[in-house]
Amino acid sequence: MSPLLEVNRLLVRRGPRLVLDIEHLALDAGEALAVIGPNGAGKSTLLLVLSRLLRPDRGTIHFREAPLAALSDLDYRRRIALVLQDPLLIDASVYENVALGLRFRHAPKKEIAPRVDEWLGKFGIAQLRHRPSRELSGGEAQRVSLARAMALEPDLLLLDEPFGALDAPTRLRLLQDFHSLLASTATATLFVTHDLDEALLLGDSVAVILNGRLRQHGTPQQVFASPADEEVGAFVGMETVIEGRVSASQNGEVAVEAGGAMLYSVGDAAVGQRVLLCLRPEDITLWPSSESPRSSARNRIVGRVQRRYPQGPLLRVVLDCGFPVTALVTHASADELELEPGQAIAATFKASAVHVVLK
């Protein structure tokens, strides 16, 4: 089955500067693709190209197997919907804002009211139908913007960080509601974000763009658990990156000498190969250095606490083990372990938690 949208050899420059370079990217009907990367990576440029608001320097885009260049702007834009971080509402009621796109597309009058009411209800804002848009909160305004887009029943929904400006509780509620709606409608969606939690919650697949280049595309599990290289690993949260050399490799397990320690990982690499061992902080458990851990984890290293700092309800702890190791622990665990700078501490982690990147 052919993809709904397919991009090949896409190139965008601004003067001599490379802005976007994508060799191939495809989106199937009903799929939600999260395009992630830091600010300035080129994510929004991709969205502008796909919405035909920016002409690329090179490349082809196919929509339902037809070259995008062969479709008129009007014909193509009638089949897509675009939602930006700023809701861009007109100074009218919530009802009129949601109906606006349908009127622009000359939907039959008898269809407009039922579709508007349907999507007001699905986004939980039916009680706001008569409220002026200028009186809405940020979360309410973004729900109106999303309802307006979904009421169009687009073949393709494009989202440019529509949740980024919301406060945390509002954002979480809207994300959860929107995730359920996407699953129920099977609308093909491409959304850009720098927020990894959004990508994991909403994305069936994930594409990573760094410095304008598409670096990896796959399922969330593939991208987050098996990043393609060190830079992708750092972006998706592989905060501990240890350089070493393979000393043994057999039966799907490699032993790596790194900074005087012997570490083990599930994987395949040749003896003598230089590798990077990548670990997520939530996969590391801390223990008193004198205690034998009650754990089946294959790896155990000892270091000293360099620093600790809060991250929401948890603490991020950085150890010096001859190389930096970062772990996440609860405040209660930190107090129990007396995690203060200079304190000797042991870190354990499973071989299966280590991702090997070849140098």
Protein backbone atom coordinates (compact mmCIF):
# COMPACT_ATOMS: atom_id res chain seq x y z
CA MET A 1 0.00 0.00 0.00
CA SER A 2 1.43 3.39 -1.00
CA PRO A 3 1.99 6.02 1.70
CA LEU A 4 -0.34 8.98 1.97
CA LEU A 5 2.59 11.39 1.87
CA GLU A 6 6.11 10.74 0.61
CA VAL A 7 9.12 13.08 0.57
CA ASN A 8 12.25 12.39 -1.48
CA ARG A 9 15.58 14.30 -1.67
CA LEU A 10 14.13 17.43 -0.10
CA LEU A 11 16.55 20.33 0.24
CA VAL A 12 15.95 23.84 1.60
CA ARG A 13 18.65 26.52 1.79
CA ARG A 14 18.70 30.11 2.97
CA GLY A 15 21.56 31.63 1.04
CA PRO A 16 24.57 29.36 1.61
CA ARG A 17 23.13 27.87 4.81
CA LEU A 18 21.54 24.43 4.80
CA VAL A 19 18.17 24.58 6.54
CA LEU A 20 16.67 21.18 5.74
CA ASP A 21 17.95 18.01 4.07
CA ILE A 22 15.67 14.94 4.01
CA GLU A 23 16.55 12.03 1.76
CA HIS A 24 13.29 10.14 2.33
CA LEU A 25 10.33 10.38 4.68
CA ALA A 26 6.89 8.79 4.36
CA LEU A 27 3.60 8.93 6.26
CA ASP A 28 0.89 6.28 5.95
CA ALA A 29 -2.85 6.91 6.10
CA GLY A 30 -3.97 6.98 9.72
CA GLU A 31 -0.40 7.27 11.05
CA ALA A 32 0.75 9.89 13.56
CA LEU A 33 4.34 10.94 12.87
CA ALA A 34 6.21 12.98 15.49
CA VAL A 35 9.03 15.08 14.05
CA ILE A 36 11.37 15.91 16.93
CA GLY A 37 14.47 18.01 17.31
CA PRO A 38 15.77 21.03 19.20
CA ASN A 39 14.71 24.58 18.41
CA GLY A 40 16.13 25.70 15.08
CA ALA A 41 16.65 22.15 13.80
CA GLY A 42 14.43 22.64 10.72
CA LYS A 43 11.19 21.06 11.94
CA SER A 44 8.95 24.05 11.23
CA THR A 45 10.61 24.50 7.83
CA LEU A 46 9.43 20.99 6.95
CA LEU A 47 5.91 21.91 7.97
CA LEU A 48 6.00 25.07 5.84
CA VAL A 49 7.12 23.02 2.82
CA LEU A 50 4.42 20.39 3.35
CA SER A 51 1.74 23.06 3.68
CA ARG A 52 3.02 24.70 0.46
CA LEU A 53 3.91 27.93 2.21
CA LEU A 54 7.60 27.53 1.31
CA ARG A 55 9.11 26.27 -1.94
CA PRO A 56 12.07 23.89 -1.52
CA ASP A 57 15.28 24.24 -3.51
CA ARG A 58 15.08 20.60 -4.54
CA GLY A 59 13.05 17.46 -3.99
CA THR A 60 9.72 15.83 -4.73
CA ILE A 61 6.64 15.38 -2.57
CA HIS A 62 3.87 12.95 -3.43
CA PHE A 63 0.40 13.12 -1.89
CA ARG A 64 -1.80 10.07 -2.49
CA GLU A 65 0.74 9.03 -5.15
CA ALA A 66 0.29 12.28 -7.12
CA PRO A 67 3.20 14.74 -7.37
CA LEU A 68 2.39 17.71 -5.18
CA ALA A 69 3.57 20.01 -7.97
CA ALA A 70 0.74 18.67 -10.15
CA LEU A 71 -1.94 19.72 -7.62
CA SER A 72 -3.20 23.27 -7.40
CA ASP A 73 -2.68 25.06 -4.09
CA LEU A 74 -6.43 25.21 -3.59
CA ASP A 75 -7.02 21.52 -4.30
CA TYR A 76 -4.23 20.43 -1.96
CA ARG A 77 -5.09 22.82 0.86
CA ARG A 78 -8.68 21.63 0.85
CA ARG A 79 -7.36 18.21 1.84
CA ILE A 80 -5.09 19.28 4.69
CA ALA A 81 -5.42 21.30 7.91
CA LEU A 82 -2.70 23.26 9.69
CA VAL A 83 -2.64 24.14 13.40
CA LEU A 84 0.01 26.50 14.77
CA GLN A 85 1.23 27.20 18.29
CA ASP A 86 -0.73 30.47 18.23
CA PRO A 87 -4.42 29.56 17.80
CA LEU A 88 -5.05 32.56 15.43
CA LEU A 89 -8.74 32.94 16.25
CA ILE A 90 -10.95 35.65 14.78
CA ASP A 91 -12.76 38.08 17.08
CA ALA A 92 -16.01 36.12 17.13
CA SER A 93 -17.69 33.35 19.13
CA VAL A 94 -16.23 29.89 19.62
CA TYR A 95 -18.93 28.50 17.33
CA GLU A 96 -18.05 30.95 14.54
CA ASN A 97 -14.36 30.14 14.82
CA VAL A 98 -14.92 26.40 14.46
CA ALA A 99 -17.33 26.98 11.57
CA LEU A 100 -14.93 29.32 9.79
CA GLY A 101 -12.94 26.71 7.87
CA LEU A 102 -16.08 24.90 6.73
CA ARG A 103 -17.49 28.17 5.38
CA PHE A 104 -14.23 28.98 3.61
CA ARG A 105 -14.46 25.59 1.90
CA HIS A 106 -18.11 26.15 0.99
CA ALA A 107 -19.43 23.18 2.95
CA PRO A 108 -23.21 22.74 2.57
CA LYS A 109 -24.99 24.89 5.15
CA LYS A 110 -26.94 21.93 6.51
CA GLU A 111 -23.64 20.15 7.34
CA ILE A 112 -21.92 23.00 9.14
CA ALA A 113 -23.90 23.11 12.39
CA PRO A 114 -23.83 19.34 13.08
CA ARG A 115 -20.09 19.13 12.39
CA VAL A 116 -19.30 22.14 14.54
CA ASP A 117 -21.42 20.78 17.39
CA GLU A 118 -19.79 17.35 17.05
CA TRP A 119 -16.26 18.71 17.42
CA LEU A 120 -17.14 21.19 20.14
CA GLY A 121 -18.43 18.19 22.08
CA LYS A 122 -15.42 16.00 21.33
CA PHE A 123 -13.02 18.67 22.58
CA GLY A 124 -15.15 19.34 25.66
CA ILE A 125 -15.94 22.96 24.80
CA ALA A 126 -19.63 22.75 23.84
CA GLN A 127 -20.50 24.96 26.81
CA LEU A 128 -18.28 27.70 25.32
CA ARG A 129 -20.00 27.85 21.92
CA HIS A 130 -21.28 31.43 22.45
CA ARG A 131 -18.22 32.79 24.27
CA PRO A 132 -16.13 35.43 22.45
CA SER A 133 -12.69 34.12 21.52
CA ARG A 134 -10.99 37.04 23.32
CA GLU A 135 -12.33 35.71 26.64
CA LEU A 136 -10.82 32.23 26.28
CA SER A 137 -7.89 30.85 28.25
CA GLY A 138 -4.87 29.54 26.36
CA GLY A 139 -6.00 25.94 26.66
CA GLU A 140 -9.56 26.74 25.59
CA ALA A 141 -8.32 28.72 22.58
CA GLN A 142 -6.13 25.82 21.44
CA ARG A 143 -9.02 23.39 21.78
CA VAL A 144 -11.04 25.70 19.52
CA SER A 145 -8.19 25.78 17.00
CA LEU A 146 -7.91 21.98 16.98
CA ALA A 147 -11.69 21.56 16.74
CA ARG A 148 -11.72 23.91 13.73
CA ALA A 149 -9.07 21.79 12.02
CA MET A 150 -10.70 18.44 12.81
CA ALA A 151 -14.13 19.65 11.68
CA LEU A 152 -12.67 19.89 8.18
CA GLU A 153 -12.09 16.11 8.23
CA PRO A 154 -8.69 16.53 6.55
CA ASP A 155 -6.75 13.78 4.85
CA LEU A 156 -3.63 15.17 6.52
CA LEU A 157 -3.34 17.19 9.74
CA LEU A 158 -0.19 19.29 10.23
CA LEU A 159 0.60 20.54 13.74
CA ASP A 160 3.36 23.01 14.66
CA GLU A 161 3.92 22.62 18.43
CA PRO A 162 0.28 23.42 19.31
CA PHE A 163 0.77 22.45 22.96
CA GLY A 164 4.07 24.23 23.60
CA ALA A 165 2.72 27.51 25.02
CA LEU A 166 0.31 25.92 27.52
CA ASP A 167 0.88 25.52 31.25
CA ALA A 168 1.72 21.97 32.35
CA PRO A 169 -1.69 20.81 33.73
CA THR A 170 -3.61 22.29 30.77
CA ARG A 171 -1.15 20.81 28.30
CA LEU A 172 -1.38 17.33 29.83
CA ARG A 173 -5.20 17.29 29.75
CA LEU A 174 -5.29 18.48 26.15
CA LEU A 175 -2.65 15.98 25.08
CA GLN A 176 -4.59 13.11 26.64
CA ASP A 177 -7.86 14.21 25.03
CA PHE A 178 -6.23 14.76 21.66
CA HIS A 179 -4.52 11.36 21.77
CA SER A 180 -7.90 9.67 22.24
CA LEU A 181 -9.45 11.68 19.40
CA LEU A 182 -6.63 10.84 16.99
CA ALA A 183 -7.01 7.15 17.78
CA SER A 184 -10.76 7.28 17.16
CA THR A 185 -10.58 9.14 13.84
CA ALA A 186 -7.43 7.59 12.32
CA THR A 187 -6.51 10.98 10.84
CA ALA A 188 -3.02 11.01 9.33
CA THR A 189 -1.06 13.50 11.40
CA LEU A 190 2.40 15.00 11.19
CA PHE A 191 3.34 17.13 14.17
CA VAL A 192 6.58 18.84 15.09
CA THR A 193 7.75 19.17 18.67
CA HIS A 194 10.89 19.44 20.77
CA ASP A 195 9.07 17.72 23.65
CA LEU A 196 9.92 14.01 23.92
CA ASP A 197 6.88 13.20 26.08
CA GLU A 198 4.56 14.52 23.35
CA ALA A 199 6.33 12.38 20.77
CA LEU A 200 6.00 9.24 22.91
CA LEU A 201 2.34 9.88 23.73
CA LEU A 202 1.07 10.83 20.27
CA GLY A 203 3.51 9.35 17.77
CA ASP A 204 3.13 5.99 16.02
CA SER A 205 6.52 6.79 14.51
CA VAL A 206 9.25 9.33 15.21
CA ALA A 207 11.61 11.25 12.93
CA VAL A 208 14.62 13.02 14.44
CA ILE A 209 15.94 16.17 12.75
CA LEU A 210 19.22 17.64 13.98
CA ASN A 211 20.99 20.56 12.32
CA GLY A 212 18.58 20.41 9.40
CA ARG A 213 19.16 16.74 8.57
CA LEU A 214 16.88 13.76 9.11
CA ARG A 215 19.02 11.52 11.30
CA GLN A 216 16.66 8.68 12.23
CA HIS A 217 13.11 7.53 11.49
CA GLY A 218 11.39 4.57 13.11
CA THR A 219 9.04 3.48 15.85
CA PRO A 220 9.32 5.28 19.20
CA GLN A 221 10.91 2.14 20.65
CA GLN A 222 13.55 2.02 17.89
CA VAL A 223 14.43 5.70 18.17
CA PHE A 224 14.42 6.04 21.96
CA ALA A 225 15.98 2.67 22.79
CA SER A 226 18.35 2.35 19.82
CA PRO A 227 19.45 5.81 18.65
CA ALA A 228 21.38 5.87 15.38
CA ASP A 229 24.37 7.79 16.74
CA GLU A 230 25.71 9.75 19.70
CA GLU A 231 23.94 13.01 18.82
CA VAL A 232 20.56 11.34 18.43
CA GLY A 233 21.16 9.47 21.68
CA ALA A 234 21.95 12.69 23.53
CA PHE A 235 18.78 14.35 22.23
CA VAL A 236 16.45 11.47 23.13
CA GLY A 237 17.77 11.22 26.68
CA MET A 238 20.74 8.85 26.57
CA GLU A 239 22.54 11.12 29.02
CA THR A 240 25.28 8.70 30.00
CA VAL A 241 27.62 8.06 27.08
CA ILE A 242 30.70 5.97 27.88
CA GLU A 243 33.49 5.43 25.37
CA GLY A 244 35.29 2.09 25.42
CA ARG A 245 36.73 -0.81 23.46
CA VAL A 246 35.16 -4.25 22.96
CA SER A 247 37.22 -6.92 24.71
CA ALA A 248 34.89 -9.87 24.11
CA SER A 249 31.83 -10.60 21.99
CA GLN A 250 29.79 -13.78 21.90
CA ASN A 251 26.22 -15.08 22.08
CA GLY A 252 24.73 -11.62 21.57
CA GLU A 253 26.62 -9.98 24.44
CA VAL A 254 29.64 -7.70 24.33
CA ALA A 255 32.10 -6.91 27.11
CA VAL A 256 33.55 -3.40 26.90
CA GLU A 257 36.56 -2.03 28.77
CA ALA A 258 35.83 1.59 29.66
CA GLY A 259 37.75 3.79 32.07
CA GLY A 260 39.15 0.81 33.97
CA ALA A 261 35.74 -0.86 34.35
CA MET A 262 34.35 -3.86 32.46
CA LEU A 263 30.81 -3.23 31.26
CA TYR A 264 28.40 -5.58 29.53
CA SER A 265 25.75 -4.94 26.91
CA VAL A 266 23.37 -6.92 24.76
CA GLY A 267 24.50 -6.42 21.18
CA ASP A 268 27.03 -7.34 18.54
CA ALA A 269 30.41 -5.73 17.89
CA ALA A 270 33.84 -6.99 16.87
CA VAL A 271 36.61 -7.42 19.43
CA GLY A 272 38.80 -4.33 19.37
CA GLN A 273 36.00 -2.10 18.00
CA ARG A 274 35.69 1.29 19.70
CA VAL A 275 32.12 1.86 20.83
CA LEU A 276 29.91 4.22 22.79
CA LEU A 277 27.73 2.76 25.54
CA CYS A 278 24.56 4.82 25.95
CA LEU A 279 22.27 4.74 29.00
CA ARG A 280 19.09 6.50 30.02
CA PRO A 281 19.08 7.89 33.60
CA GLU A 282 15.92 6.00 34.57
CA ASP A 283 17.68 2.67 33.83
CA ILE A 284 20.36 3.22 36.49
CA THR A 285 19.85 2.21 40.14
CA LEU A 286 21.98 3.64 42.95
CA TRP A 287 23.14 1.72 46.05
CA PRO A 288 25.44 2.32 49.01
CA SER A 289 28.96 1.54 47.78
CA SER A 290 29.55 -1.00 50.57
CA GLU A 291 26.33 -2.92 49.95
CA SER A 292 25.87 -5.90 47.66
CA PRO A 293 22.94 -4.88 45.46
CA ARG A 294 19.79 -6.97 45.59
CA SER A 295 19.55 -6.96 41.84
CA SER A 296 20.14 -9.16 38.80
CA ALA A 297 21.76 -6.25 36.94
CA ARG A 298 24.99 -7.37 35.23
CA ASN A 299 26.80 -4.06 35.55
CA ARG A 300 28.05 -2.47 38.78
CA ILE A 301 30.36 0.52 39.01
CA VAL A 302 31.37 2.75 41.91
CA GLY A 303 31.83 6.50 41.81
CA ARG A 304 31.33 9.68 43.81
CA VAL A 305 28.46 12.13 43.70
CA GLN A 306 29.44 15.24 41.74
CA ARG A 307 26.15 17.11 41.95
CA ARG A 308 22.42 16.66 42.38
CA TYR A 309 19.57 18.89 41.28
CA PRO A 310 15.79 18.59 41.14
CA GLN A 311 13.82 17.62 38.07
CA GLY A 312 10.14 17.84 38.94
CA PRO A 313 9.33 15.17 41.54
CA LEU A 314 12.73 13.45 41.03
CA LEU A 315 16.40 14.26 41.54
CA ARG A 316 19.01 14.07 38.79
CA VAL A 317 22.28 12.76 40.25
CA VAL A 318 25.61 12.94 38.41
CA LEU A 319 28.38 10.54 39.48
CA ASP A 320 32.06 10.57 38.64
CA CYS A 321 32.95 6.95 37.88
CA GLY A 322 36.01 7.81 35.81
CA PHE A 323 33.35 9.00 33.35
CA PRO A 324 30.09 10.85 34.11
CA VAL A 325 27.04 8.72 34.95
CA THR A 326 23.60 10.32 35.36
CA ALA A 327 20.74 8.71 37.28
CA LEU A 328 17.23 9.72 38.32
CA VAL A 329 16.09 8.95 41.87
CA THR A 330 13.25 9.92 44.17
CA HIS A 331 13.84 12.48 46.91
CA ALA A 332 13.22 9.75 49.49
CA SER A 333 15.90 7.52 47.93
CA ALA A 334 18.35 10.43 47.81
CA ASP A 335 17.83 11.10 51.51
CA GLU A 336 18.17 7.41 52.39
CA LEU A 337 21.40 7.11 50.39
CA GLU A 338 22.72 10.44 51.72
CA LEU A 339 23.53 11.58 48.22
CA GLU A 340 25.75 14.56 48.89
CA PRO A 341 28.73 15.74 46.80
CA GLY A 342 31.75 13.49 47.44
CA GLN A 343 29.66 10.55 48.72
CA ALA A 344 30.82 7.16 47.39
CA ILE A 345 27.94 5.36 45.66
CA ALA A 346 27.42 2.31 43.45
CA ALA A 347 25.43 2.33 40.23
CA THR A 348 23.93 -0.78 38.68
CA PHE A 349 22.21 -1.35 35.34
CA LYS A 350 21.20 -4.26 33.18
CA ALA A 351 23.10 -5.28 30.06
CA SER A 352 19.84 -4.98 28.13
CA ALA A 353 19.57 -1.30 29.14
CA VAL A 354 22.84 -0.40 27.40
CA HIS A 355 22.71 0.66 23.76
CA VAL A 356 25.91 0.20 21.75
CA VAL A 357 26.88 2.74 19.09
CA LEU A 358 29.86 1.88 16.88
CA LYS A 359 32.53 4.58 16.63
